[in-house]
Amino acid sequence: MTKAKISLLAINDVYEFVAIVSRFPYDIDLISGRYAVDAKSIMGIFSLDLTKPIELNAHTDDADELIEKLDKYIIK
């Protein structure tokens, strides 16, 4: 599993984020507090508190391309 902290501050960020993660065949979850949602679900993401960093869990050991494409959302 690959983990990263991300930030989605604008509505357009969420739409672009979902468009990117939807291209990958493996499961990707977003976790905020005690809530976990499918990262490919726009409605799920909007149910999270987007004012705080969100944990991304990609269920693969080969997420280099995903991390590269999501670089602008990853908190370093």
Protein backbone atom coordinates (compact mmCIF):
# COMPACT_ATOMS: atom_id res chain seq x y z
CA MET A 1 0.00 0.00 0.00
CA THR A 2 1.18 3.51 -0.82
CA LYS A 3 0.21 6.43 1.44
CA ALA A 4 0.39 10.20 1.02
CA LYS A 5 -1.17 13.32 2.54
CA ILE A 6 -3.08 15.49 0.09
CA SER A 7 -4.94 18.78 0.07
CA LEU A 8 -7.94 19.60 -2.14
CA LEU A 9 -8.82 23.25 -1.61
CA ALA A 10 -11.06 24.13 -4.57
CA ILE A 11 -13.99 22.46 -6.31
CA ASN A 12 -11.95 22.22 -9.51
CA ASP A 13 -9.19 20.45 -7.56
CA VAL A 14 -11.66 17.71 -6.62
CA TYR A 15 -12.86 17.26 -10.21
CA GLU A 16 -9.31 17.11 -11.58
CA PHE A 17 -8.20 14.77 -8.77
CA VAL A 18 -11.06 12.33 -9.51
CA ALA A 19 -10.27 12.44 -13.24
CA ILE A 20 -6.66 11.48 -12.49
CA VAL A 21 -7.30 8.68 -9.97
CA SER A 22 -10.08 7.17 -12.10
CA ARG A 23 -7.47 6.20 -14.72
CA PHE A 24 -5.81 3.74 -12.34
CA PRO A 25 -7.15 0.17 -12.01
CA TYR A 26 -6.48 -0.34 -8.30
CA ASP A 27 -8.49 0.85 -5.29
CA ILE A 28 -7.63 4.25 -3.88
CA ASP A 29 -9.17 5.50 -0.63
CA LEU A 30 -9.23 8.88 1.08
CA ILE A 31 -9.32 8.98 4.86
CA SER A 32 -10.29 12.00 6.95
CA GLY A 33 -10.65 11.35 10.67
CA ARG A 34 -12.77 8.23 11.03
CA TYR A 35 -14.28 8.46 7.54
CA ALA A 36 -12.95 6.60 4.51
CA VAL A 37 -14.29 7.11 0.98
CA ASP A 38 -13.48 5.89 -2.51
CA ALA A 39 -11.11 8.44 -4.07
CA LYS A 40 -12.87 7.91 -7.42
CA SER A 41 -16.17 9.21 -6.00
CA ILE A 42 -16.80 12.94 -6.31
CA MET A 43 -19.72 12.76 -3.89
CA GLY A 44 -17.65 10.78 -1.41
CA ILE A 45 -14.86 13.36 -1.47
CA PHE A 46 -17.30 16.23 -0.93
CA SER A 47 -18.57 14.44 2.20
CA LEU A 48 -15.10 14.86 3.80
CA ASP A 49 -13.74 17.88 5.66
CA LEU A 50 -11.60 19.38 2.87
CA THR A 51 -10.23 22.14 5.10
CA LYS A 52 -7.76 19.63 6.60
CA PRO A 53 -5.16 17.37 4.99
CA ILE A 54 -6.55 14.04 3.78
CA GLU A 55 -4.72 10.72 3.80
CA LEU A 56 -4.58 8.90 0.46
CA ASN A 57 -4.17 5.10 0.48
CA ALA A 58 -3.46 3.46 -2.87
CA HIS A 59 -3.82 -0.33 -2.68
CA THR A 60 -0.76 -1.11 -4.77
CA ASP A 61 3.00 -1.20 -4.33
CA ASP A 62 3.54 0.38 -7.76
CA ALA A 63 2.03 3.85 -7.38
CA ASP A 64 4.92 5.89 -8.79
CA GLU A 65 2.90 7.14 -11.77
CA LEU A 66 -0.06 8.01 -9.53
CA ILE A 67 2.12 9.98 -7.12
CA GLU A 68 3.75 11.79 -10.04
CA LYS A 69 0.37 12.81 -11.52
CA LEU A 70 -0.95 13.95 -8.12
CA ASP A 71 2.17 15.92 -7.23
CA LYS A 72 0.41 19.29 -6.99
CA TYR A 73 -2.03 17.92 -4.38
CA ILE A 74 0.52 16.12 -2.21
CA ILE A 75 1.64 17.84 0.99
CA LYS A 76 5.40 17.52 1.30
